[in-house]
């Protein structure tokens, strides 16, 4: 709280997504539809996993938690982004800005660890099928989720504890539609350059290491399957394709932005649209389009609703 007393700045001005009125109307409609798809699609997956006993397995338990995180991540940014497109003067209070930084990194850090848990689940299912129920017991699944949230909170608090104690005395303009560490830190009255290593080591290093660990795990799974039976390789690749797609979509903006934590252009705000709006909207489609279990469960639910 002392950091709040030191700061002179009481609000930040977000430049948002610029463009003509026609462009803004198009963006409002597009992001409103994406947000609606995010809420309905991801909550439908959560409801389906809870309601259908055939989906009471580790894979779908983790998928339901991923859907909840996607909803939370989108809720921190997309509604404000849409409403700000209607405003000429886009202002966010200092407290709201700090809260947004905190929640973005909680959700982001949690999702990274959860994606690793989902990769481990696929490894156990494909490479160790006889030991799957032991390796992915209900207690271990809950432990994975708890560890994901704990890691996300610790990651976010490490960022938040640094930024909240910095003095902000102006300027207060952020060239983005949301508050985040790289942009906000540039507005501090102190020398921002000394925080570059911390930003890279924290978010950048975490994103890069997690991404490469996930890719290595998928390669290891495919190589293991190929050595066992080359005929099963295409089946395994089909199973992992959804996971690999989500990982690439999620981590590409994170690595690009946080490995260079002090942006010199506005490209980062456009890249993070992928994480905040596009990936969460695509996840229900990616995980259900080629998933027969989910499709069958949805058909069962439809038949029950029509009775």
Protein backbone atom coordinates (compact mmCIF):
# COMPACT_ATOMS: atom_id res chain seq x y z
CA UNK A 1 0.00 0.00 0.00
CA UNK A 2 2.94 2.34 0.50
CA UNK A 3 3.57 2.18 -3.24
CA UNK A 4 0.13 3.66 -3.83
CA UNK A 5 0.98 6.65 -1.64
CA UNK A 6 4.23 7.33 -3.50
CA UNK A 7 2.54 7.33 -6.90
CA UNK A 8 1.30 10.67 -8.17
CA UNK A 9 -0.47 9.14 -11.17
CA UNK A 10 -4.06 8.20 -10.27
CA UNK A 11 -5.06 6.88 -13.68
CA UNK A 12 -3.63 5.69 -16.99
CA UNK A 13 -4.78 6.56 -20.49
CA UNK A 14 -5.05 3.57 -22.82
CA UNK A 15 -4.58 4.33 -26.51
CA UNK A 16 -6.37 1.07 -27.34
CA UNK A 17 -6.96 -0.12 -30.89
CA UNK A 18 -6.97 2.85 -33.24
CA UNK A 19 -8.74 3.13 -36.58
CA UNK A 20 -11.67 4.71 -38.41
CA UNK A 21 -15.20 4.53 -37.06
CA UNK A 22 -16.04 1.77 -39.55
CA UNK A 23 -13.01 -0.21 -38.35
CA UNK A 24 -14.04 0.25 -34.73
CA UNK A 25 -17.58 -0.98 -35.47
CA UNK A 26 -16.11 -4.04 -37.18
CA UNK A 27 -13.80 -4.70 -34.20
CA UNK A 28 -16.65 -4.25 -31.71
CA UNK A 29 -18.81 -6.79 -33.53
CA UNK A 30 -15.90 -9.21 -34.03
CA UNK A 31 -14.68 -9.16 -30.43
CA UNK A 32 -18.21 -9.23 -29.03
CA UNK A 33 -18.92 -12.39 -31.01
CA UNK A 34 -15.56 -13.88 -30.01
CA UNK A 35 -16.24 -13.10 -26.35
CA UNK A 36 -19.69 -14.66 -26.59
CA UNK A 37 -18.10 -17.73 -28.18
CA UNK A 38 -15.47 -17.88 -25.43
CA UNK A 39 -18.05 -17.78 -22.63
CA UNK A 40 -20.56 -20.17 -24.20
CA UNK A 41 -18.03 -22.58 -25.71
CA UNK A 42 -15.79 -22.97 -22.68
CA UNK A 43 -18.60 -23.08 -20.13
CA UNK A 44 -20.33 -25.69 -22.30
CA UNK A 45 -17.22 -27.87 -22.06
CA UNK A 46 -17.15 -27.43 -18.27
CA UNK A 47 -20.87 -28.31 -18.02
CA UNK A 48 -20.46 -31.30 -20.34
CA UNK A 49 -17.52 -32.70 -18.36
CA UNK A 50 -19.46 -32.33 -15.09
CA UNK A 51 -22.76 -33.68 -16.44
CA UNK A 52 -21.55 -36.66 -18.50
CA UNK A 53 -20.07 -39.51 -16.47
CA UNK A 54 -18.26 -40.82 -19.57
CA UNK A 55 -16.07 -37.72 -19.44
CA UNK A 56 -15.06 -38.19 -15.80
CA UNK A 57 -11.43 -38.87 -16.67
CA UNK A 58 -8.13 -37.02 -16.02
CA UNK A 59 -7.90 -35.64 -19.55
CA UNK A 60 -11.34 -34.00 -19.44
CA UNK A 61 -10.91 -32.85 -15.85
CA UNK A 62 -7.83 -30.90 -16.94
CA UNK A 63 -9.61 -29.70 -20.09
CA UNK A 64 -12.48 -28.32 -18.00
CA UNK A 65 -10.02 -26.43 -15.83
CA UNK A 66 -8.31 -25.06 -18.95
CA UNK A 67 -11.69 -23.83 -20.16
CA UNK A 68 -12.31 -22.02 -16.86
CA UNK A 69 -8.89 -20.35 -17.07
CA UNK A 70 -9.58 -19.26 -20.66
CA UNK A 71 -12.83 -17.65 -19.52
CA UNK A 72 -11.03 -15.87 -16.68
CA UNK A 73 -8.18 -14.65 -18.91
CA UNK A 74 -10.60 -13.25 -21.48
CA UNK A 75 -12.77 -11.59 -18.82
CA UNK A 76 -9.78 -9.54 -17.61
CA UNK A 77 -9.29 -7.80 -20.96
CA UNK A 78 -11.90 -8.35 -23.69
CA UNK A 79 -14.93 -6.57 -22.10
CA UNK A 80 -12.87 -3.42 -21.44
CA UNK A 81 -11.35 -3.61 -24.92
CA UNK A 82 -14.83 -3.69 -26.48
CA UNK A 83 -16.25 -0.87 -24.36
CA UNK A 84 -13.13 1.28 -24.88
CA UNK A 85 -13.65 1.08 -28.64
CA UNK A 86 -16.80 3.17 -28.04
CA UNK A 87 -14.87 5.86 -26.13
CA UNK A 88 -12.64 8.65 -27.33
CA UNK A 89 -10.91 9.01 -23.96
CA UNK A 90 -9.96 5.60 -22.59
CA UNK A 91 -9.02 5.81 -18.91
CA UNK A 92 -8.25 3.11 -16.35
CA UNK A 93 -7.63 3.87 -12.68
CA UNK A 94 -4.25 3.09 -11.13
CA UNK A 95 -5.80 0.43 -8.87
CA UNK A 96 -7.68 -1.20 -11.78
CA UNK A 97 -4.53 -1.22 -13.88
CA UNK A 98 -2.53 -2.93 -11.14
CA UNK A 99 -5.34 -5.46 -10.62
CA UNK A 100 -5.41 -6.22 -14.34
CA UNK A 101 -1.64 -6.84 -14.39
CA UNK A 102 -2.06 -9.18 -11.43
CA UNK A 103 -4.97 -11.19 -12.85
CA UNK A 104 -3.43 -11.50 -16.32
CA UNK A 105 -0.30 -13.08 -14.85
CA UNK A 106 -2.24 -15.31 -12.45
CA UNK A 107 -4.29 -16.72 -15.31
CA UNK A 108 -1.35 -16.87 -17.70
CA UNK A 109 0.99 -18.59 -15.25
CA UNK A 110 -1.72 -21.04 -14.23
CA UNK A 111 -2.46 -21.95 -17.85
CA UNK A 112 1.22 -22.61 -18.59
CA UNK A 113 1.52 -25.16 -15.78
CA UNK A 114 -1.85 -26.70 -16.63
CA UNK A 115 -0.74 -27.23 -20.24
CA UNK A 116 2.28 -29.10 -18.89
CA UNK A 117 -0.05 -31.26 -16.79
CA UNK A 118 -2.10 -32.00 -19.90
CA UNK A 119 1.08 -32.99 -21.77
CA UNK A 120 1.99 -35.37 -18.92
CA UNK A 121 -1.51 -36.82 -19.11
CA UNK A 122 -1.03 -37.57 -22.83
CA UNK A 123 2.39 -39.09 -22.11
CA UNK A 124 0.89 -41.39 -19.49
CA UNK A 125 -2.03 -42.36 -21.72
CA UNK A 126 0.03 -43.04 -24.84
CA UNK A 127 3.38 -44.27 -23.50
CA UNK A 128 2.34 -45.87 -20.19
CA UNK A 129 -1.25 -47.07 -20.73
CA UNK A 130 -1.02 -49.85 -18.15
CA UNK A 131 0.04 -47.40 -15.45
CA UNK A 132 -2.24 -44.55 -16.57
CA UNK A 133 -4.79 -44.78 -13.77
CA UNK A 134 -1.99 -44.80 -11.20
CA UNK A 135 -0.02 -41.95 -12.78
CA UNK A 136 -3.16 -39.85 -13.24
CA UNK A 137 -5.17 -40.71 -10.14
CA UNK A 138 -7.86 -38.26 -8.96
CA UNK A 139 -5.58 -37.01 -6.17
CA UNK A 140 -2.75 -36.34 -8.60
CA UNK A 141 -5.10 -34.53 -10.99
CA UNK A 142 -6.27 -32.24 -8.19
CA UNK A 143 -2.63 -31.75 -7.16
CA UNK A 144 -1.76 -30.71 -10.72
CA UNK A 145 -4.54 -28.11 -10.72
CA UNK A 146 -3.58 -26.78 -7.27
CA UNK A 147 0.07 -26.56 -8.31
CA UNK A 148 -0.99 -24.66 -11.44
CA UNK A 149 -2.87 -22.05 -9.43
CA UNK A 150 -0.15 -21.75 -6.79
CA UNK A 151 2.49 -21.23 -9.51
CA UNK A 152 0.29 -18.66 -11.24
CA UNK A 153 -0.26 -16.71 -8.01
CA UNK A 154 3.45 -16.78 -7.07
CA UNK A 155 4.40 -15.65 -10.58
CA UNK A 156 1.86 -12.81 -10.54
CA UNK A 157 2.77 -11.67 -7.02
CA UNK A 158 6.45 -11.46 -7.95
CA UNK A 159 5.51 -9.07 -10.76
CA UNK A 160 2.95 -7.20 -8.68
CA UNK A 161 5.20 -6.70 -5.66
CA UNK A 162 7.77 -5.00 -7.88
CA UNK A 163 5.49 -2.77 -9.90
CA UNK A 164 3.26 -1.63 -7.01
CA UNK A 165 6.22 -0.11 -5.17
CA UNK A 166 7.45 1.95 -8.13
CA UNK A 167 6.79 5.70 -8.25
CA UNK A 168 4.59 6.89 -11.12
CA UNK A 169 4.63 10.65 -11.62
CA UNK A 170 3.90 10.91 -15.35
CA UNK A 171 3.49 10.48 -18.27
CA UNK A 172 0.52 8.13 -17.95
CA UNK A 173 -0.23 7.04 -21.53
CA UNK A 174 -0.11 3.32 -22.40
CA UNK A 175 -0.03 2.34 -26.08
CA UNK A 176 -2.23 -0.70 -25.61
CA UNK A 177 -5.76 -1.81 -24.74
CA UNK A 178 -4.70 -3.41 -21.45
CA UNK A 179 -2.19 -2.94 -18.61
CA UNK A 180 0.81 -5.23 -18.46
CA UNK A 181 4.27 -5.24 -16.92
CA UNK A 182 6.37 -4.23 -19.98
CA UNK A 183 4.21 -1.22 -20.84
CA UNK A 184 3.50 0.03 -17.33
CA UNK A 185 7.11 -0.28 -16.14
CA UNK A 186 8.18 2.20 -18.84
CA UNK A 187 6.07 4.89 -17.16
CA UNK A 188 7.82 4.63 -13.78
CA UNK A 189 9.86 7.63 -12.64
CA UNK A 190 12.77 5.36 -11.75
CA UNK A 191 15.21 3.88 -14.26
CA UNK A 192 13.19 1.20 -16.09
CA UNK A 193 16.24 -0.41 -17.68
CA UNK A 194 17.30 -2.10 -14.44
CA UNK A 195 14.01 -4.05 -14.41
CA UNK A 196 14.63 -5.51 -17.87
CA UNK A 197 16.46 -8.54 -16.53
CA UNK A 198 13.73 -9.25 -13.98
CA UNK A 199 11.00 -9.06 -16.61
CA UNK A 200 12.90 -11.36 -18.97
CA UNK A 201 13.92 -13.80 -16.24
CA UNK A 202 10.38 -13.98 -14.87
CA UNK A 203 7.77 -13.97 -17.64
CA UNK A 204 10.13 -14.42 -20.58
CA UNK A 205 12.14 -17.28 -19.11
CA UNK A 206 9.02 -18.99 -17.78
CA UNK A 207 7.33 -18.79 -21.19
CA UNK A 208 10.37 -19.98 -23.13
CA UNK A 209 11.25 -22.88 -20.82
CA UNK A 210 7.66 -24.10 -20.55
CA UNK A 211 7.20 -23.91 -24.32
CA UNK A 212 10.32 -25.93 -25.10
CA UNK A 213 9.54 -28.48 -22.37
CA UNK A 214 6.11 -28.99 -23.90
CA UNK A 215 7.51 -29.37 -27.41
CA UNK A 216 10.14 -31.84 -26.15
CA UNK A 217 7.48 -33.86 -24.36
CA UNK A 218 5.41 -34.12 -27.55
CA UNK A 219 8.48 -35.12 -29.59
CA UNK A 220 9.35 -37.74 -26.96
CA UNK A 221 5.84 -39.17 -27.09
CA UNK A 222 5.88 -39.38 -30.89
CA UNK A 223 9.34 -40.96 -30.98
CA UNK A 224 8.29 -43.51 -28.35
CA UNK A 225 5.18 -44.42 -30.34
CA UNK A 226 7.17 -44.62 -33.59
CA UNK A 227 9.70 -47.01 -32.06
CA UNK A 228 6.92 -49.18 -30.70
CA UNK A 229 4.82 -49.28 -33.87
CA UNK A 230 5.11 -46.95 -36.84
CA UNK A 231 1.48 -47.62 -37.67
CA UNK A 232 0.34 -45.95 -34.44
CA UNK A 233 2.29 -42.75 -35.19
CA UNK A 234 -0.48 -41.14 -37.23
CA UNK A 235 -3.01 -41.95 -34.50
CA UNK A 236 -0.78 -40.43 -31.81
CA UNK A 237 -0.13 -37.37 -33.96
CA UNK A 238 -3.86 -36.94 -34.42
CA UNK A 239 -4.36 -37.17 -30.66
CA UNK A 240 -1.62 -34.62 -29.93
CA UNK A 241 -2.40 -32.21 -32.76
CA UNK A 242 -5.00 -30.33 -30.70
CA UNK A 243 -2.59 -29.92 -27.79
CA UNK A 244 0.27 -28.78 -30.03
CA UNK A 245 -1.97 -26.24 -31.78
CA UNK A 246 -3.09 -24.72 -28.48
CA UNK A 247 0.49 -24.59 -27.15
CA UNK A 248 1.83 -22.81 -30.24
CA UNK A 249 -1.03 -20.30 -30.29
CA UNK A 250 -0.72 -19.53 -26.59
CA UNK A 251 3.06 -19.30 -26.25
CA UNK A 252 4.03 -17.46 -29.44
CA UNK A 253 2.80 -14.02 -28.25
CA UNK A 254 4.16 -14.61 -24.72
CA UNK A 255 7.67 -15.43 -25.94
CA UNK A 256 7.72 -12.60 -28.47
CA UNK A 257 6.64 -9.99 -25.93
CA UNK A 258 8.27 -11.07 -22.68
CA UNK A 259 11.67 -11.99 -24.12
CA UNK A 260 11.85 -8.34 -25.20
CA UNK A 261 10.10 -6.81 -22.18
CA UNK A 262 10.37 -3.17 -23.24
CA UNK A 263 8.39 -2.81 -26.48
CA UNK A 264 9.33 -0.17 -28.99
CA UNK A 265 6.31 -0.70 -31.25
CA UNK A 266 2.61 -1.38 -30.81
CA UNK A 267 2.76 -4.86 -32.37
CA UNK A 268 2.57 -6.53 -28.94
CA UNK A 269 -0.98 -5.38 -28.29
CA UNK A 270 -2.12 -6.95 -31.54
CA UNK A 271 -0.25 -10.18 -30.81
CA UNK A 272 -1.88 -10.55 -27.41
CA UNK A 273 -5.30 -10.47 -29.03
CA UNK A 274 -4.43 -14.08 -29.92
CA UNK A 275 -4.08 -15.01 -26.22
CA UNK A 276 -7.00 -12.95 -24.92
CA UNK A 277 -9.61 -13.56 -27.61
CA UNK A 278 -8.67 -15.91 -30.43
CA UNK A 279 -7.09 -18.88 -28.59
CA UNK A 280 -9.81 -19.06 -25.88
CA UNK A 281 -12.46 -18.97 -28.61
CA UNK A 282 -10.70 -21.67 -30.65
CA UNK A 283 -9.97 -24.02 -27.73
CA UNK A 284 -13.52 -25.47 -27.55
CA UNK A 285 -13.41 -26.04 -31.31
CA UNK A 286 -9.87 -27.46 -31.33
CA UNK A 287 -10.54 -29.90 -28.50
CA UNK A 288 -13.97 -31.05 -29.72
CA UNK A 289 -13.68 -31.04 -33.52
CA UNK A 290 -11.67 -34.29 -33.61
CA UNK A 291 -12.72 -35.64 -30.21
CA UNK A 292 -15.31 -38.37 -30.57
CA UNK A 293 -15.92 -38.66 -26.81
CA UNK A 294 -16.95 -35.01 -26.54
CA UNK A 295 -19.05 -35.21 -29.69
CA UNK A 296 -20.87 -38.30 -28.40
CA UNK A 297 -21.40 -36.65 -25.01
CA UNK A 298 -22.82 -33.55 -26.71
CA UNK A 299 -25.16 -35.75 -28.77
CA UNK A 300 -26.32 -37.54 -25.61
CA UNK A 301 -26.98 -34.18 -23.97
CA UNK A 302 -28.95 -33.01 -27.01
CA UNK A 303 -31.12 -36.13 -26.98
CA UNK A 304 -31.79 -35.73 -23.25
CA UNK A 305 -32.75 -32.09 -23.75
CA UNK A 306 -35.17 -32.98 -26.55
CA UNK A 307 -37.10 -35.51 -24.44
